[in-house]
Structure formats: C-alpha cells, structure tokens
Protein backbone atom coordinates (compact mmCIF):
# COMPACT_ATOMS: atom_id res chain seq x y z
CA MET A 1 3.23 121.15 -129.50
CA ALA A 2 0.56 120.32 -126.92
CA LEU A 3 1.01 117.89 -124.07
CA ASP A 4 -0.08 114.37 -125.04
CA SER A 5 -3.61 113.57 -123.80
CA THR A 6 -2.61 110.25 -122.22
CA VAL A 7 0.25 111.95 -120.39
CA ARG A 8 -2.21 114.61 -119.19
CA LYS A 9 -4.44 111.89 -117.74
CA LEU A 10 -1.46 110.25 -116.01
CA LEU A 11 -0.44 113.55 -114.47
CA ASP A 12 -3.99 114.22 -113.31
CA LEU A 13 -4.17 110.77 -111.70
CA ALA A 14 -0.86 111.36 -109.95
CA ALA A 15 -2.07 114.71 -108.63
CA ALA A 16 -5.37 113.22 -107.43
CA SER A 17 -3.59 110.37 -105.65
CA GLY A 18 -2.21 112.71 -103.01
CA ARG A 19 1.22 111.17 -103.42
CA PRO A 20 3.83 113.39 -101.75
CA ALA A 21 6.44 115.27 -103.76
CA ILE A 22 9.59 113.24 -104.02
CA ASN A 23 11.67 116.09 -102.61
CA SER A 24 9.55 116.02 -99.42
CA LEU A 25 10.61 112.46 -98.59
CA PRO A 26 13.70 110.86 -97.06
CA PRO A 27 15.64 108.98 -99.77
CA PRO A 28 14.62 105.46 -98.63
CA GLU A 29 10.93 106.39 -98.85
CA ALA A 30 11.47 108.11 -102.21
CA ARG A 31 13.07 104.91 -103.53
CA ARG A 32 10.11 102.84 -102.37
CA MET A 33 7.65 105.24 -103.98
CA MET A 34 9.50 105.11 -107.30
CA ARG A 35 9.42 101.31 -107.33
CA GLU A 36 5.68 101.30 -106.55
CA THR A 37 4.75 103.89 -109.17
CA ARG A 38 6.94 102.41 -111.93
CA LEU A 39 5.35 98.94 -111.91
CA PRO A 40 1.91 99.87 -113.33
CA VAL A 41 3.32 101.81 -116.29
CA GLN A 42 6.23 99.56 -117.26
CA GLY A 43 4.04 97.05 -119.06
CA PRO A 44 4.49 93.29 -119.22
CA PHE A 45 7.89 91.68 -119.03
CA LEU A 46 9.12 90.26 -122.34
CA GLU A 47 9.40 86.50 -122.62
CA SER A 48 11.74 87.01 -125.59
CA VAL A 49 14.51 88.31 -123.33
CA ALA A 50 16.43 86.34 -120.71
CA SER A 51 18.09 88.02 -117.76
CA GLU A 52 20.59 86.96 -115.14
CA ASP A 53 21.68 88.74 -111.96
CA ARG A 54 25.40 88.80 -111.24
CA ARG A 55 27.83 90.47 -108.88
CA ILE A 56 31.01 91.99 -110.25
CA PRO A 57 34.05 93.66 -108.65
CA GLY A 58 33.54 97.32 -107.83
CA PRO A 59 35.57 100.04 -106.13
CA ALA A 60 33.83 99.44 -102.80
CA GLY A 61 33.26 95.68 -103.05
CA GLU A 62 30.92 93.57 -105.12
CA MET A 63 28.39 95.42 -107.26
CA PRO A 64 25.10 94.01 -108.63
CA VAL A 65 24.43 93.97 -112.37
CA ARG A 66 21.71 92.37 -114.47
CA VAL A 67 22.65 90.90 -117.85
CA TYR A 68 20.02 90.71 -120.62
CA ARG A 69 20.26 88.62 -123.78
CA PRO A 70 17.71 87.89 -126.53
CA ARG A 71 16.49 84.29 -126.25
CA ALA A 72 16.43 83.97 -130.03
CA ALA A 73 20.15 84.70 -130.35
CA ALA A 74 22.33 81.68 -131.04
CA PRO A 75 24.41 80.70 -127.99
CA THR A 76 27.59 81.24 -129.99
CA ALA A 77 26.52 84.61 -131.46
CA LYS A 78 28.71 87.55 -130.44
CA LEU A 79 26.22 90.36 -129.97
CA PRO A 80 26.79 94.10 -129.49
CA LEU A 81 26.98 95.25 -125.86
CA LEU A 82 25.17 98.13 -124.16
CA VAL A 83 26.28 99.03 -120.62
CA TYR A 84 23.23 100.78 -119.14
CA PHE A 85 22.93 103.17 -116.18
CA HIS A 86 19.48 103.76 -114.70
CA GLY A 87 17.96 107.14 -113.94
CA GLY A 88 16.67 108.48 -110.65
CA GLY A 89 18.71 111.55 -109.83
CA TRP A 90 21.63 109.53 -108.44
CA VAL A 91 19.42 109.02 -105.35
CA ILE A 92 16.58 106.66 -106.37
CA GLY A 93 16.05 103.97 -109.00
CA ASP A 94 17.69 100.58 -109.46
CA ILE A 95 17.85 97.66 -111.86
CA GLU A 96 14.27 96.69 -110.94
CA THR A 97 12.73 100.06 -111.80
CA HIS A 98 14.40 99.91 -115.22
CA HIS A 99 13.90 96.22 -115.96
CA THR A 100 11.37 96.64 -118.76
CA MET A 101 13.34 99.46 -120.39
CA CYS A 102 16.42 97.26 -120.55
CA GLN A 103 14.40 94.33 -121.88
CA ARG A 104 13.01 96.45 -124.69
CA LEU A 105 16.40 97.89 -125.61
CA CYS A 106 17.80 94.36 -125.65
CA GLU A 107 15.03 93.04 -127.89
CA ALA A 108 14.92 96.01 -130.27
CA GLY A 109 18.65 96.05 -130.87
CA GLN A 110 19.37 92.34 -130.41
CA LEU A 111 21.94 93.42 -127.83
CA VAL A 112 23.40 92.13 -124.63
CA VAL A 113 22.58 94.75 -122.00
CA VAL A 114 24.46 95.02 -118.71
CA SER A 115 22.34 97.09 -116.30
CA VAL A 116 24.44 98.52 -113.46
CA ASP A 117 23.17 98.88 -109.87
CA TYR A 118 25.61 101.62 -108.86
CA ARG A 119 25.80 103.14 -105.37
CA LEU A 120 23.32 105.90 -104.58
CA ALA A 121 23.50 109.21 -102.75
CA PRO A 122 23.33 110.51 -100.08
CA GLU A 123 24.86 107.38 -98.57
CA HIS A 124 27.46 107.44 -101.35
CA ARG A 125 27.98 110.90 -102.78
CA PHE A 126 29.80 112.13 -105.89
CA PRO A 127 31.91 110.65 -107.38
CA ALA A 128 31.09 107.18 -105.96
CA CYS A 129 28.63 106.24 -108.70
CA VAL A 130 30.99 107.56 -111.38
CA ASP A 131 33.66 105.18 -110.08
CA ASP A 132 31.16 102.30 -110.00
CA CYS A 133 30.00 102.91 -113.55
CA TRP A 134 33.54 103.13 -114.85
CA ALA A 135 34.41 99.83 -113.12
CA ALA A 136 31.33 98.20 -114.66
CA THR A 137 32.13 99.52 -118.13
CA VAL A 138 35.70 98.26 -117.99
CA TRP A 139 34.60 94.91 -116.54
CA SER A 140 31.95 94.44 -119.25
CA ALA A 141 34.45 95.00 -122.05
CA ALA A 142 37.11 92.86 -120.40
CA ASN A 143 34.64 89.99 -119.97
CA ALA A 144 33.27 90.14 -123.49
CA ALA A 145 33.85 86.45 -124.20
CA ALA A 146 32.06 85.32 -121.03
CA LEU A 147 29.15 87.65 -121.78
CA GLY A 148 28.86 86.43 -125.35
CA VAL A 149 29.52 89.83 -126.86
CA ASP A 150 31.89 91.38 -129.34
CA GLY A 151 34.37 93.36 -127.25
CA SER A 152 34.89 95.78 -130.14
CA LYS A 153 31.18 96.67 -130.11
CA VAL A 154 30.54 98.46 -126.80
CA ALA A 155 28.02 101.24 -126.16
CA VAL A 156 27.15 103.14 -123.00
CA GLY A 157 23.68 104.45 -122.28
CA GLY A 158 21.30 105.71 -119.67
CA ASP A 159 18.32 107.90 -118.88
CA SER A 160 18.29 111.14 -116.89
CA ALA A 161 20.99 110.75 -114.21
CA GLY A 162 22.01 107.60 -116.06
CA GLY A 163 22.36 109.65 -119.23
CA ASN A 164 24.71 111.91 -117.29
CA LEU A 165 26.76 108.88 -116.25
CA ALA A 166 26.82 107.48 -119.78
CA ALA A 167 28.11 110.79 -121.14
CA VAL A 168 30.81 110.81 -118.44
CA MET A 169 31.79 107.23 -119.32
CA ALA A 170 32.28 108.19 -122.98
CA LEU A 171 34.54 111.07 -121.92
CA MET A 172 36.49 108.85 -119.52
CA ALA A 173 36.95 106.13 -122.14
CA ARG A 174 38.34 108.68 -124.59
CA ASP A 175 40.77 110.10 -122.05
CA ARG A 176 41.75 107.02 -120.03
CA GLY A 177 41.61 104.22 -122.56
CA GLY A 178 41.09 100.69 -121.35
CA VAL A 179 37.77 100.32 -123.15
CA GLN A 180 36.68 101.39 -126.62
CA VAL A 181 33.22 102.96 -126.52
CA GLY A 182 31.62 103.07 -129.95
CA PHE A 183 28.31 104.78 -129.15
CA GLN A 184 26.55 106.77 -126.42
CA LEU A 185 22.79 106.59 -125.87
CA LEU A 186 21.65 109.61 -123.83
CA LEU A 187 17.96 109.63 -122.91
CA TYR A 188 16.80 113.03 -121.56
CA PRO A 189 20.18 113.41 -119.83
CA ALA A 190 21.00 115.74 -116.94
CA VAL A 191 24.32 117.19 -118.07
CA ASP A 192 24.80 120.43 -116.13
CA ALA A 193 24.48 120.65 -112.34
CA LEU A 194 24.63 124.45 -112.61
CA ALA A 195 21.97 124.77 -115.29
CA ASN A 196 19.61 127.73 -115.32
CA THR A 197 17.80 127.15 -118.58
CA GLY A 198 14.55 128.26 -120.11
CA SER A 199 13.08 124.76 -119.97
CA LEU A 200 13.98 124.47 -116.28
CA ALA A 201 11.87 127.57 -115.64
CA ARG A 202 9.14 126.82 -118.16
CA ASN A 203 8.62 123.21 -117.03
CA ALA A 204 9.42 123.78 -113.36
CA ASP A 205 6.19 122.27 -112.04
CA GLY A 206 3.39 120.01 -113.15
CA TYR A 207 5.25 117.60 -115.43
CA LEU A 208 6.40 114.86 -113.04
CA LEU A 209 10.02 115.96 -112.69
CA THR A 210 10.15 119.39 -111.05
CA ARG A 211 12.79 122.03 -110.52
CA ASP A 212 12.52 121.49 -106.75
CA ALA A 213 13.16 117.77 -107.25
CA MET A 214 16.30 118.55 -109.25
CA VAL A 215 17.53 120.75 -106.39
CA TRP A 216 16.83 117.88 -103.97
CA PHE A 217 18.71 115.40 -106.16
CA TYR A 218 21.77 117.60 -106.54
CA ASP A 219 21.82 118.51 -102.85
CA HIS A 220 22.00 114.82 -101.99
CA TYR A 221 24.40 113.86 -104.79
CA ILE A 222 26.80 116.83 -104.83
CA PRO A 223 26.34 118.85 -101.63
CA ASN A 224 29.65 120.63 -102.20
CA ALA A 225 28.77 123.38 -104.67
CA ALA A 226 32.39 123.64 -105.83
CA ASP A 227 32.19 120.08 -107.21
CA ARG A 228 29.25 120.84 -109.47
CA SER A 229 31.40 122.36 -112.20
CA ASP A 230 33.53 119.18 -112.38
CA TRP A 231 32.94 117.62 -115.79
CA ARG A 232 32.30 114.25 -114.09
CA ALA A 233 29.25 115.90 -112.51
CA SER A 234 28.43 118.25 -115.39
CA PRO A 235 29.68 116.70 -118.64
CA LEU A 236 28.38 119.69 -120.60
CA ARG A 237 31.26 121.61 -118.98
CA ALA A 238 33.98 119.33 -120.40
CA ARG A 239 36.59 121.32 -122.33
CA SER A 240 36.27 119.38 -125.55
CA PHE A 241 34.03 116.76 -127.10
CA ALA A 242 36.33 116.01 -130.01
CA GLY A 243 37.02 112.33 -130.48
CA LEU A 244 33.90 111.13 -128.69
CA PRO A 245 31.79 108.33 -130.19
CA PRO A 246 28.55 109.00 -132.07
CA ALA A 247 25.47 109.65 -129.97
CA MET A 248 21.72 109.42 -129.97
CA ILE A 249 20.12 112.04 -127.69
CA VAL A 250 16.41 111.78 -126.88
CA THR A 251 14.55 114.65 -125.19
CA ALA A 252 10.98 115.49 -124.19
CA GLY A 253 9.21 118.78 -124.82
CA PHE A 254 7.71 119.17 -121.32
CA ASP A 255 10.88 118.27 -119.46
CA PRO A 256 12.90 120.65 -117.25
CA LEU A 257 16.01 119.03 -118.77
CA LEU A 258 15.01 119.66 -122.40
CA ASP A 259 17.46 122.51 -122.99
CA GLU A 260 20.35 120.56 -121.45
CA GLY A 261 19.84 117.70 -123.91
CA ARG A 262 19.63 120.13 -126.82
CA ALA A 263 22.77 121.94 -125.67
CA TYR A 264 24.68 118.68 -125.38
CA ALA A 265 23.68 117.68 -128.90
CA GLU A 266 24.80 121.07 -130.18
CA ARG A 267 28.16 120.90 -128.38
CA LEU A 268 28.85 117.40 -129.67
CA THR A 269 27.97 118.43 -133.21
CA HIS A 270 30.14 121.57 -132.95
CA ASP A 271 33.13 119.40 -132.03
CA GLY A 272 32.63 117.03 -134.93
CA VAL A 273 30.69 114.21 -133.26
CA THR A 274 27.87 112.56 -135.19
CA VAL A 275 24.57 113.04 -133.32
CA GLU A 276 21.07 111.78 -133.93
CA TYR A 277 18.75 114.06 -131.97
CA LEU A 278 15.13 113.04 -131.32
CA GLU A 279 12.73 115.35 -129.50
CA PHE A 280 9.35 113.97 -128.44
CA GLY A 281 7.59 117.30 -128.16
CA SER A 282 4.41 116.12 -126.42
CA MET A 283 6.17 113.99 -123.79
CA ILE A 284 7.47 114.51 -120.24
CA HIS A 285 10.64 113.49 -118.46
CA GLY A 286 10.71 109.76 -117.80
CA PHE A 287 8.25 108.86 -120.55
CA LEU A 288 10.43 106.05 -121.89
CA GLY A 289 9.88 104.21 -118.62
CA MET A 290 6.15 103.95 -119.41
CA PRO A 291 5.95 101.55 -122.38
CA GLY A 292 2.92 99.86 -120.83
CA VAL A 293 0.77 102.95 -121.40
CA LEU A 294 2.58 105.15 -123.94
CA PRO A 295 3.12 104.09 -127.58
CA GLN A 296 5.71 106.88 -127.82
CA ALA A 297 7.75 105.06 -125.17
CA ARG A 298 7.61 101.81 -127.11
CA ARG A 299 8.62 103.63 -130.30
CA GLY A 300 11.42 105.55 -128.58
CA LEU A 301 12.93 102.43 -127.01
CA ALA A 302 12.69 100.55 -130.32
CA LEU A 303 14.50 103.37 -132.14
CA ALA A 304 17.12 103.59 -129.41
CA GLY A 305 17.89 99.87 -129.43
CA GLN A 306 18.13 99.81 -133.21
CA ALA A 307 20.39 102.88 -133.19
CA VAL A 308 22.82 101.19 -130.83
CA ARG A 309 23.02 98.10 -133.00
CA GLU A 310 23.44 100.02 -136.24
CA ALA A 311 26.08 102.33 -134.83
CA LEU A 312 28.16 99.49 -133.43
CA ALA A 313 27.87 97.58 -136.70
CA ASP A 314 29.22 100.64 -138.51
CA ALA A 315 32.00 101.07 -135.93
CA ALA A 316 33.20 97.52 -136.49
CA THR A 317 33.48 97.80 -140.27
C-alpha cells in the first residue's frame, strides 16, 4: 500500500521547515518541540467532553492526572474506565500533547479516561514510569466510586511508549492482582527494546519516527543494556501471555514499530488471548494524534473507543 497523500504532504512540510531531528536535541527542547508541533494537527477540542486535572499519590510523591468524562452521561451513570498512558518514547509527551486523543476516546466509547502524567527519562529512568503507571492504575480502580466508574470495567491503553506501558500494566495486573484489567488498547506499541526487525530497517528514515530517534529514546530511558530484556521494558519478552485480557492492537504500515505490533498480536493469539488487530497500511507512526488533519485518525480513535466499551461490557456479563 502506498503512503497516504496527506501524510506525504505533512512529511514534506516538516522537512521543509528545517525543524531539527528530535534525537539532536536535549530532552527539554525535544519536549517543547513536540508540544508545538502537536497543536496544529490535533484538531479542535471537543465541547462534548469535560476534563478535570487532579493530583494522586505516586511512588515519588503526588502525580498529575487528567480525568475525562462525557458531558452527556448522567451524573449517576457508572461508566467504563480507561487508564491511558501517553506516548513520546518515555522522554517527551504529556497529558497536554495527548489531550485531543483522550477526548476522542472518551466520546467514542462513552468512557471515563484517566490520562497519567508519569515521570519521564532521563531525569527518571526505567522503571520509574512503570511504577507510576502501576500506582495510577491501582488508584483508578480503587477510587471507582469517586470517579463515577464501574470498578469491574477497567481497561489500560496507550500509544507508542504508552502502549508499552499499557501492555506491562496488563501483565502486572495478571501477576500481582489488586486490579482487574478487562482490556488492553495498544496503539502502535513499542514492545521490544532489543528489536531488530524488518520494519525498523525499512522505515528507518523519512516517516516521522526514525530508527535513530528510537535509539535516542532507549538510551535515555534504559541506559543499562542489561535491563532492556526485562519484560517491564520489553513486554514482548514476557514468558507467557496466557490469562491476559483481550486486546486491540493498532499499527501503521510506514512505522518502524510495525513488526513489533504484529509480533505482539501473534504472541497474544498464540497464548489464547483474543486480539483485534488493525493495520492502517498507508499511515505513519503517531497518526492517531493527528485527528485535525487525518480522517484515518478520527476513524481509528472512534474504533478504539468503541472497542474498549464493547470489551468491558462483555467482561462484565
């Protein structure tokens, strides 16, 4: 499948802008650049979704989260819950860069979404953000009544690095208990820190996320090479996926991480987990964060939100 023409235009504009490669910048400057470049492509904020910023207990002190709820939902309605972890290579990104994505997931699935502002590397390296995300997942389930959600209907989700963290949360919930995860939403997830795949070579340059950027992310997040085979860093390397909740995995054809998402879907299926796999063949990594300019992003987020709701409804019956 050919690269989408609108995506081609966006890539050409980015190249013509002279914007530096993300892996050439110090992390604070890379974070600022991501915020600036995300705003034009996110699209308008949705008036149909209310949001509230909160601070919750975390392993290193209070941790910011943003809670989304559909305005049309009755105040007494107990909605399904999606705990969401933003992408950005564990180094960049925050709840602001992913605001519109979370709004659209909330609206499409009629969900409460808790978006987690976990600690970032290199200031806080592996496994700091894993610990933060686990604390947020447990807190969200434990505070179901206050959040107006059904505590038996909990999903975890995220994009890219956030997809990695969501996959890890599903594994931790299975093994540790303390929260019952009924669904995992993995959007072009990074699931193997030691990957050397065909898509990583084939899509190494020219499609927004590059192989050099992935090296930069991992060097900041997990500088100790011995830690990269830990399943909390590379969930694809977990011993077993048996007993995990159903999943939706979304990938993009021109993404260095394409083969990792496919492999994760195959491993889950092999171990008896129900998987819905969607591959947007003409898209690039990060396309779901561009609903303001890409109809495929709007469609993908709508399908993802609906999948969460339907899966949690099935889990509760």
